[in-house]
């Protein structure tokens, strides 16, 4: 009898093991459906994705010859068509795609002469509904858009975070928020002078009937780009005057790969692309889009502190410079941080006021996941894509990772993507870096999950800024499909 019982136990364990193995191997199976930037290797990032009228759309970052948008009804290889090409170089990329149901698809274009908003009702014919930074050309980017009530809202900024909205998708106005997102002042880390903390609204979500806005403390110094006259005609000539704080760049919106260079050896004049990070991110919420309450930030009423600095005993969260991704999963609001020290993390809340840390990369030894770039719920799981870059010889430099959890609870996340999908590298004069160093976008079509990658910026290949040579041609972004 004991032998029969033992046999049943062993058989049961074997069956359980096989089922678990099938689940893990299925989840870890990815196939590449797009490579080499859709045939244009200057499409460095799959910068945004959205599903509209049954098609998957991908907006690219292309700092050499302008943004593109590609579309597919299946996501399969050779089923992609370009549906938009920016007419000018100044439109670097489509940083945000947002589908307002099946009514219209919006493309928010990063433009060094001021952000633009494009609109289409069929996915092919695009109309420019806003340009020139919506009245302030220093608002060069719109990173997020969402519908809340009767309005579409768009988050923007440059030196001060700003909010815009439209009732019809064509006419846009700035929201005079109360209080102003620029009301938080902190002391500049270099000069000690008071400066505005919130430079950009990086993410938005509608949660528990309120609109949430998540801020960044710094983004690209667009004046530095303009003053440097960085364009196709003189990029190669700019090399003799080039300099850049590489350590700062990995905190930037374009995310040039982080390289172990002593930033003090770089003269920031005249190529100061980034302002120093003054403080830490904040979270605001509103019932009407006009009147706002601060729930995470300086002097918030709930004891969270800027970047959750009061929630963590060692106050490392003061280096949480930005909220780079958000999602709503199983009744809770999640946010992912960017952290200049590598302490990036995922937090969640059920009421917007009490937050818990759900995933801490630093404690797991993943010290090169500098930000949680994208999140998406799919198939009863929460998927998280990271930015992970540096020289391959550095410990824990793996390239893009994707983590998943069935519950979102602490201790339940596991890594599905190791080594940037395929382990390929991009050579530089300092050594190899991962080819796919970040997961910049997620999308879903026909019940399938797709991830878009970020690869080496083409402007680095031309060496106008950093003096870091990219040896050979840049490779262009890739799209990978989860196979289950």
Foldseek 3Di string as FASTA:
>chain_A
DVVVVVVVVVVVVVVVVVVVVVVQVLQLDKDFADWLANVPVLQFWQQEWDAEPQKIKTWTFRLAFFIWIKIANPSHHPRIDTQDGDPGNQQGIFNYWDYPHNQKIWTWTQGLQAIWIWIDNPSRDIDTQATRNNPPVLQRTWNEWDDAPQWIKTWTFAQATWIWIDNPVRDIDTFCAVVGQQPDWFQAPPPRHIGGQFGIFNYWDQAPLKIKTKGFRKEWPSVLVVVLVDHNVCLLVLQVVFWEQLLVQCVYPQRAFREPDDSVVTDCPPNVTMDDNGWAMWMWIDNPVHYIATQEEDPHPQQQYGQSQRVDPVSQSRQQRTFQEWDAAPQKIKTWTAGSQQFIFMWIDNPSRDIDTLGTCVVVVQSQQRIFHYWDDAPQKIKTKTFGKYAPVDPNRQAIWIWMANPSHHPGIDISDTRNNPVDWWAKPVHTMRQFRIFNYWYDGPRKIKTKTGGHNQSVCSNSHHVIHGPDGRIHMIMMISRD
